[in-house]
């Protein structure tokens, strides 16, 4: 009798733990999530760039508000800063722009701030889903629609480590420093 009660108790506890594990897995990618990149540097650009410039990037995903809050810091660029973005692509591959972080070229959507021009600078803001742009490389559409419709795809790419942040300068207009966001699936 005691053995049967013990087995029933073990079965109930195992079932409860399985439900909790599945429940936590299902909600692991919802709510607020903080992601960060590795150090931005020229070696991550494609092709590689030899520069002393550095940077950091952190982003918070707020699923409920459908907004992204980020902080980009850069220093030591060889040229004057032109613009900074989040691009959609895996490591060592160039991808299209999905989100403007800042721009001094007047080419970003409404609300895009100017990039600070001091040698060491930080730009931070909260961006609504409506400011997601549809990435394209040449004539290739990468499948993330612009605006609110692209929210789910961009957030999935961020969480999967298939986006990168980079800063473009007048000396390196294709990008001077870069790093994958959430490269190893690590939360910040």
Foldseek 3Di string as FASTA:
>chain_A
DVVVVVVVVVVVVVVVVVVVVVVCVVCVLAAKFKWWWDKWAQVQDVVGDDFPKIKIKMWMQGRVQQKIKMKIKIARDPFWWAFKAKFFAAGNDDKFGFATQAGPPPPADPPHHHFDGDRIDMGIDMGHQQRTPFGDDPPRGPPQHHGPSNSVVVSVRLQVQRMKMFIAGPVRNVGGIMTTMCNVNDTD
